[in-house]
Amino acid sequence: MSKYDLLWDHVLKSGRNSLKLTFAEIERILGAPIDHSFLKYKKELIKYGYQVGRISMKEQTILFEKVQG
């Protein structure tokens, strides 16, 4: 079980083609702060049919996109 499974489930259950979440929203979903390890774990999301799109440090958001194909 990954520390990000709750987030991946949330993205999957959204059913949307793309979903933008703030760092604060992600931390609420996880129940823990988001940290640098996110960059390592983000590849897990592909098995849920999504990928991490744009990460904006300025806006403090992450865009999740459904994998096409």
PDB file of N, CA and C in Angstrom:
ATOM      1  N   MET A   1       0.845  -1.197   0.000  1.00  0.00           N
ATOM      2  CA  MET A   1       0.000   0.000   0.000  1.00  0.00           C
ATOM      3  C   MET A   1       0.879   1.245   0.000  1.00  0.00           C
ATOM      4  N   SER A   2       0.577   2.143  -0.889  1.00  0.00           N
ATOM      5  CA  SER A   2       1.324   3.387  -1.025  1.00  0.00           C
ATOM      6  C   SER A   2       0.737   4.459  -0.112  1.00  0.00           C
ATOM      7  N   LYS A   3       1.582   5.370   0.321  1.00  0.00           N
ATOM      8  CA  LYS A   3       1.085   6.481   1.140  1.00  0.00           C
ATOM      9  C   LYS A   3       0.172   7.406   0.340  1.00  0.00           C
ATOM     10  N   TYR A   4       0.167   7.257  -0.985  1.00  0.00           N
ATOM     11  CA  TYR A   4      -0.663   8.100  -1.830  1.00  0.00           C
ATOM     12  C   TYR A   4      -1.913   7.397  -2.354  1.00  0.00           C
ATOM     13  N   ASP A   5      -2.192   6.185  -1.909  1.00  0.00           N
ATOM     14  CA  ASP A   5      -3.368   5.449  -2.377  1.00  0.00           C
ATOM     15  C   ASP A   5      -4.676   6.222  -2.188  1.00  0.00           C
ATOM     16  N   LEU A   6      -4.831   6.920  -1.086  1.00  0.00           N
ATOM     17  CA  LEU A   6      -6.059   7.706  -0.866  1.00  0.00           C
ATOM     18  C   LEU A   6      -6.226   8.780  -1.937  1.00  0.00           C
ATOM     19  N   LEU A   7      -5.126   9.396  -2.318  1.00  0.00           N
ATOM     20  CA  LEU A   7      -5.169  10.418  -3.366  1.00  0.00           C
ATOM     21  C   LEU A   7      -5.494   9.788  -4.717  1.00  0.00           C
ATOM     22  N   TRP A   8      -4.844   8.679  -5.045  1.00  0.00           N
ATOM     23  CA  TRP A   8      -5.107   8.010  -6.323  1.00  0.00           C
ATOM     24  C   TRP A   8      -6.574   7.585  -6.409  1.00  0.00           C
ATOM     25  N   ASP A   9      -7.119   7.055  -5.318  1.00  0.00           N
ATOM     26  CA  ASP A   9      -8.537   6.674  -5.295  1.00  0.00           C
ATOM     27  C   ASP A   9      -9.438   7.881  -5.526  1.00  0.00           C
ATOM     28  N   HIS A  10      -9.089   9.000  -4.908  1.00  0.00           N
ATOM     29  CA  HIS A  10      -9.874  10.233  -5.066  1.00  0.00           C
ATOM     30  C   HIS A  10      -9.888  10.680  -6.533  1.00  0.00           C
ATOM     31  N   VAL A  11      -8.722  10.653  -7.158  1.00  0.00           N
ATOM     32  CA  VAL A  11      -8.622  11.060  -8.564  1.00  0.00           C
ATOM     33  C   VAL A  11      -9.445  10.114  -9.436  1.00  0.00           C
ATOM     34  N   LEU A  12      -9.320   8.821  -9.219  1.00  0.00           N
ATOM     35  CA  LEU A  12     -10.061   7.828  -9.990  1.00  0.00           C
ATOM     36  C   LEU A  12     -11.562   8.009  -9.826  1.00  0.00           C
ATOM     37  N   LYS A  13     -12.017   8.189  -8.602  1.00  0.00           N
ATOM     38  CA  LYS A  13     -13.454   8.322  -8.332  1.00  0.00           C
ATOM     39  C   LYS A  13     -14.044   9.609  -8.897  1.00  0.00           C
ATOM     40  N   SER A  14     -13.179  10.596  -9.179  1.00  0.00           N
ATOM     41  CA  SER A  14     -13.683  11.842  -9.768  1.00  0.00           C
ATOM     42  C   SER A  14     -14.278  11.553 -11.152  1.00  0.00           C
ATOM     43  N   GLY A  15     -13.702  10.574 -11.858  1.00  0.00           N
ATOM     44  CA  GLY A  15     -14.191  10.206 -13.181  1.00  0.00           C
ATOM     45  C   GLY A  15     -13.968  11.260 -14.253  1.00  0.00           C
ATOM     46  N   ARG A  16     -13.271  12.314 -13.905  1.00  0.00           N
ATOM     47  CA  ARG A  16     -13.077  13.419 -14.842  1.00  0.00           C
ATOM     48  C   ARG A  16     -11.874  13.181 -15.738  1.00  0.00           C
ATOM     49  N   ASN A  17     -11.854  13.839 -16.890  1.00  0.00           N
ATOM     50  CA  ASN A  17     -10.701  13.753 -17.791  1.00  0.00           C
ATOM     51  C   ASN A  17      -9.484  14.465 -17.223  1.00  0.00           C
ATOM     52  N   SER A  18      -9.738  15.524 -16.466  1.00  0.00           N
ATOM     53  CA  SER A  18      -8.651  16.218 -15.774  1.00  0.00           C
ATOM     54  C   SER A  18      -9.192  16.779 -14.466  1.00  0.00           C
ATOM     55  N   LEU A  19      -8.303  16.848 -13.514  1.00  0.00           N
ATOM     56  CA  LEU A  19      -8.677  17.312 -12.178  1.00  0.00           C
ATOM     57  C   LEU A  19      -7.513  18.099 -11.610  1.00  0.00           C
ATOM     58  N   LYS A  20      -7.760  19.349 -11.236  1.00  0.00           N
ATOM     59  CA  LYS A  20      -6.722  20.180 -10.630  1.00  0.00           C
ATOM     60  C   LYS A  20      -7.015  20.301  -9.138  1.00  0.00           C
ATOM     61  N   LEU A  21      -6.040  19.933  -8.335  1.00  0.00           N
ATOM     62  CA  LEU A  21      -6.171  20.032  -6.882  1.00  0.00           C
ATOM     63  C   LEU A  21      -5.062  20.906  -6.319  1.00  0.00           C
ATOM     64  N   THR A  22      -5.386  21.652  -5.282  1.00  0.00           N
ATOM     65  CA  THR A  22      -4.362  22.442  -4.606  1.00  0.00           C
ATOM     66  C   THR A  22      -3.579  21.534  -3.660  1.00  0.00           C
ATOM     67  N   PHE A  23      -2.402  21.995  -3.279  1.00  0.00           N
ATOM     68  CA  PHE A  23      -1.613  21.233  -2.310  1.00  0.00           C
ATOM     69  C   PHE A  23      -2.414  21.044  -1.024  1.00  0.00           C
ATOM     70  N   ALA A  24      -3.152  22.072  -0.606  1.00  0.00           N
ATOM     71  CA  ALA A  24      -3.955  21.986   0.623  1.00  0.00           C
ATOM     72  C   ALA A  24      -5.042  20.929   0.493  1.00  0.00           C
ATOM     73  N   GLU A  25      -5.705  20.862  -0.660  1.00  0.00           N
ATOM     74  CA  GLU A  25      -6.735  19.843  -0.873  1.00  0.00           C
ATOM     75  C   GLU A  25      -6.123  18.442  -0.833  1.00  0.00           C
ATOM     76  N   ILE A  26      -4.964  18.298  -1.444  1.00  0.00           N
ATOM     77  CA  ILE A  26      -4.279  17.006  -1.443  1.00  0.00           C
ATOM     78  C   ILE A  26      -3.911  16.599  -0.023  1.00  0.00           C
ATOM     79  N   GLU A  27      -3.430  17.531   0.757  1.00  0.00           N
ATOM     80  CA  GLU A  27      -3.071  17.238   2.145  1.00  0.00           C
ATOM     81  C   GLU A  27      -4.290  16.834   2.961  1.00  0.00           C
ATOM     82  N   ARG A  28      -5.438  17.448   2.690  1.00  0.00           N
ATOM     83  CA  ARG A  28      -6.679  17.046   3.385  1.00  0.00           C
ATOM     84  C   ARG A  28      -7.072  15.621   2.999  1.00  0.00           C
ATOM     85  N   ILE A  29      -6.956  15.289   1.726  1.00  0.00           N
ATOM     86  CA  ILE A  29      -7.292  13.945   1.250  1.00  0.00           C
ATOM     87  C   ILE A  29      -6.372  12.911   1.890  1.00  0.00           C
ATOM     88  N   LEU A  30      -5.079  13.225   1.940  1.00  0.00           N
ATOM     89  CA  LEU A  30      -4.091  12.292   2.484  1.00  0.00           C
ATOM     90  C   LEU A  30      -4.105  12.230   4.003  1.00  0.00           C
ATOM     91  N   GLY A  31      -4.498  13.334   4.628  1.00  0.00           N
ATOM     92  CA  GLY A  31      -4.401  13.417   6.084  1.00  0.00           C
ATOM     93  C   GLY A  31      -2.966  13.599   6.539  1.00  0.00           C
ATOM     94  N   ALA A  32      -2.125  14.059   5.614  1.00  0.00           N
ATOM     95  CA  ALA A  32      -0.703  14.269   5.895  1.00  0.00           C
ATOM     96  C   ALA A  32      -0.160  15.270   4.885  1.00  0.00           C
ATOM     97  N   PRO A  33       0.946  15.901   5.215  1.00  0.00           N
ATOM     98  CA  PRO A  33       1.519  16.860   4.263  1.00  0.00           C
ATOM     99  C   PRO A  33       2.071  16.167   3.016  1.00  0.00           C
ATOM    100  N   ILE A  34       1.948  16.847   1.892  1.00  0.00           N
ATOM    101  CA  ILE A  34       2.564  16.362   0.657  1.00  0.00           C
ATOM    102  C   ILE A  34       4.048  16.732   0.732  1.00  0.00           C
ATOM    103  N   ASP A  35       4.898  15.820   0.294  1.00  0.00           N
ATOM    104  CA  ASP A  35       6.329  16.106   0.366  1.00  0.00           C
ATOM    105  C   ASP A  35       7.018  15.733  -0.938  1.00  0.00           C
ATOM    106  N   HIS A  36       8.318  15.856  -0.952  1.00  0.00           N
ATOM    107  CA  HIS A  36       9.102  15.628  -2.163  1.00  0.00           C
ATOM    108  C   HIS A  36       8.959  14.195  -2.689  1.00  0.00           C
ATOM    109  N   SER A  37       8.614  13.253  -1.832  1.00  0.00           N
ATOM    110  CA  SER A  37       8.473  11.859  -2.267  1.00  0.00           C
ATOM    111  C   SER A  37       7.345  11.707  -3.297  1.00  0.00           C
ATOM    112  N   PHE A  38       6.450  12.694  -3.380  1.00  0.00           N
ATOM    113  CA  PHE A  38       5.373  12.653  -4.368  1.00  0.00           C
ATOM    114  C   PHE A  38       5.939  12.431  -5.768  1.00  0.00           C
ATOM    115  N   LEU A  39       7.073  13.047  -6.048  1.00  0.00           N
ATOM    116  CA  LEU A  39       7.677  12.931  -7.373  1.00  0.00           C
ATOM    117  C   LEU A  39       8.077  11.490  -7.677  1.00  0.00           C
ATOM    118  N   LYS A  40       8.443  10.743  -6.662  1.00  0.00           N
ATOM    119  CA  LYS A  40       8.794   9.333  -6.840  1.00  0.00           C
ATOM    120  C   LYS A  40       7.543   8.464  -7.009  1.00  0.00           C
ATOM    121  N   TYR A  41       6.518   8.751  -6.227  1.00  0.00           N
ATOM    122  CA  TYR A  41       5.311   7.920  -6.205  1.00  0.00           C
ATOM    123  C   TYR A  41       4.325   8.226  -7.332  1.00  0.00           C
ATOM    124  N   LYS A  42       4.457   9.363  -7.999  1.00  0.00           N
ATOM    125  CA  LYS A  42       3.459   9.767  -8.993  1.00  0.00           C
ATOM    126  C   LYS A  42       3.297   8.753 -10.119  1.00  0.00           C
ATOM    127  N   LYS A  43       4.327   7.963 -10.394  1.00  0.00           N
ATOM    128  CA  LYS A  43       4.224   6.963 -11.460  1.00  0.00           C
ATOM    129  C   LYS A  43       3.215   5.863 -11.135  1.00  0.00           C
ATOM    130  N   GLU A  44       2.867   5.696  -9.856  1.00  0.00           N
ATOM    131  CA  GLU A  44       1.859   4.704  -9.453  1.00  0.00           C
ATOM    132  C   GLU A  44       0.481   5.027 -10.033  1.00  0.00           C
ATOM    133  N   LEU A  45       0.242   6.284 -10.277  1.00  0.00           N
ATOM    134  CA  LEU A  45      -1.067   6.739 -10.728  1.00  0.00           C
ATOM    135  C   LEU A  45      -1.457   6.139 -12.077  1.00  0.00           C
ATOM    136  N   ILE A  46      -0.479   5.762 -12.878  1.00  0.00           N
ATOM    137  CA  ILE A  46      -0.760   5.228 -14.216  1.00  0.00           C
ATOM    138  C   ILE A  46      -1.618   3.967 -14.148  1.00  0.00           C
ATOM    139  N   LYS A  47      -1.470   3.166 -13.095  1.00  0.00           N
ATOM    140  CA  LYS A  47      -2.293   1.950 -12.994  1.00  0.00           C
ATOM    141  C   LYS A  47      -3.749   2.273 -12.667  1.00  0.00           C
ATOM    142  N   TYR A  48      -4.031   3.504 -12.328  1.00  0.00           N
ATOM    143  CA  TYR A  48      -5.399   3.974 -12.098  1.00  0.00           C
ATOM    144  C   TYR A  48      -5.969   4.633 -13.353  1.00  0.00           C
ATOM    145  N   GLY A  49      -5.148   4.695 -14.424  1.00  0.00           N
ATOM    146  CA  GLY A  49      -5.602   5.292 -15.669  1.00  0.00           C
ATOM    147  C   GLY A  49      -5.392   6.792 -15.759  1.00  0.00           C
ATOM    148  N   TYR A  50      -4.570   7.322 -14.874  1.00  0.00           N
ATOM    149  CA  TYR A  50      -4.290   8.757 -14.848  1.00  0.00           C
ATOM    150  C   TYR A  50      -2.790   8.990 -14.807  1.00  0.00           C
ATOM    151  N   GLN A  51      -2.418  10.234 -15.083  1.00  0.00           N
ATOM    152  CA  GLN A  51      -1.031  10.647 -14.946  1.00  0.00           C
ATOM    153  C   GLN A  51      -0.993  12.038 -14.333  1.00  0.00           C
ATOM    154  N   VAL A  52       0.150  12.385 -13.781  1.00  0.00           N
ATOM    155  CA  VAL A  52       0.331  13.730 -13.252  1.00  0.00           C
ATOM    156  C   VAL A  52       0.715  14.616 -14.425  1.00  0.00           C
ATOM    157  N   GLY A  53      -0.063  15.661 -14.613  1.00  0.00           N
ATOM    158  CA  GLY A  53       0.226  16.625 -15.671  1.00  0.00           C
ATOM    159  C   GLY A  53       1.154  17.700 -15.136  1.00  0.00           C
ATOM    160  N   ARG A  54       0.645  18.886 -15.028  1.00  0.00           N
ATOM    161  CA  ARG A  54       1.444  20.037 -14.609  1.00  0.00           C
ATOM    162  C   ARG A  54       1.427  20.177 -13.091  1.00  0.00           C
ATOM    163  N   ILE A  55       2.617  20.385 -12.535  1.00  0.00           N
ATOM    164  CA  ILE A  55       2.760  20.724 -11.128  1.00  0.00           C
ATOM    165  C   ILE A  55       3.178  22.188 -11.088  1.00  0.00           C
ATOM    166  N   SER A  56       2.341  23.039 -10.476  1.00  0.00           N
ATOM    167  CA  SER A  56       2.636  24.467 -10.390  1.00  0.00           C
ATOM    168  C   SER A  56       3.007  24.834  -8.960  1.00  0.00           C
ATOM    169  N   MET A  57       4.268  25.182  -8.782  1.00  0.00           N
ATOM    170  CA  MET A  57       4.709  25.625  -7.458  1.00  0.00           C
ATOM    171  C   MET A  57       4.146  27.021  -7.163  1.00  0.00           C
ATOM    172  N   LYS A  58       4.012  27.839  -8.189  1.00  0.00           N
ATOM    173  CA  LYS A  58       3.487  29.192  -8.013  1.00  0.00           C
ATOM    174  C   LYS A  58       2.037  29.159  -7.523  1.00  0.00           C
ATOM    175  N   GLU A  59       1.198  28.361  -8.210  1.00  0.00           N
ATOM    176  CA  GLU A  59      -0.216  28.256  -7.835  1.00  0.00           C
ATOM    177  C   GLU A  59      -0.445  27.228  -6.736  1.00  0.00           C
ATOM    178  N   GLN A  60       0.567  26.401  -6.467  1.00  0.00           N
ATOM    179  CA  GLN A  60       0.478  25.292  -5.514  1.00  0.00           C
ATOM    180  C   GLN A  60      -0.671  24.351  -5.889  1.00  0.00           C
ATOM    181  N   THR A  61      -0.627  23.922  -7.159  1.00  0.00           N
ATOM    182  CA  THR A  61      -1.634  22.996  -7.682  1.00  0.00           C
ATOM    183  C   THR A  61      -0.958  21.862  -8.444  1.00  0.00           C
ATOM    184  N   ILE A  62      -1.689  20.770  -8.564  1.00  0.00           N
ATOM    185  CA  ILE A  62      -1.264  19.647  -9.386  1.00  0.00           C
ATOM    186  C   ILE A  62      -2.431  19.269 -10.282  1.00  0.00           C
ATOM    187  N   LEU A  63      -2.143  19.104 -11.568  1.00  0.00           N
ATOM    188  CA  LEU A  63      -3.149  18.698 -12.541  1.00  0.00           C
ATOM    189  C   LEU A  63      -3.003  17.203 -12.794  1.00  0.00           C
ATOM    190  N   PHE A  64      -4.100  16.475 -12.641  1.00  0.00           N
ATOM    191  CA  PHE A  64      -4.148  15.046 -12.906  1.00  0.00           C
ATOM    192  C   PHE A  64      -4.948  14.869 -14.188  1.00  0.00           C
ATOM    193  N   GLU A  65      -4.428  14.055 -15.117  1.00  0.00           N
ATOM    194  CA  GLU A  65      -5.079  13.881 -16.410  1.00  0.00           C
ATOM    195  C   GLU A  65      -5.311  12.410 -16.691  1.00  0.00           C
ATOM    196  N   LYS A  66      -6.484  12.109 -17.255  1.00  0.00           N
ATOM    197  CA  LYS A  66      -6.801  10.730 -17.651  1.00  0.00           C
ATOM    198  C   LYS A  66      -5.905  10.370 -18.828  1.00  0.00           C
ATOM    199  N   VAL A  67      -5.360   9.162 -18.776  1.00  0.00           N
ATOM    200  CA  VAL A  67      -4.507   8.675 -19.857  1.00  0.00           C
ATOM    201  C   VAL A  67      -5.395   8.308 -21.042  1.00  0.00           C
ATOM    202  N   GLN A  68      -5.060   8.831 -22.191  1.00  0.00           N
ATOM    203  CA  GLN A  68      -5.835   8.566 -23.403  1.00  0.00           C
ATOM    204  C   GLN A  68      -5.310   7.297 -24.075  1.00  0.00           C
ATOM    205  N   GLY A  69      -6.234   6.514 -24.600  1.00  0.00           N
ATOM    206  CA  GLY A  69      -5.824   5.360 -25.372  1.00  0.00           C
ATOM    207  C   GLY A  69      -6.189   4.123 -24.709  1.00  0.00           C
TER     208      GLY A  69
END
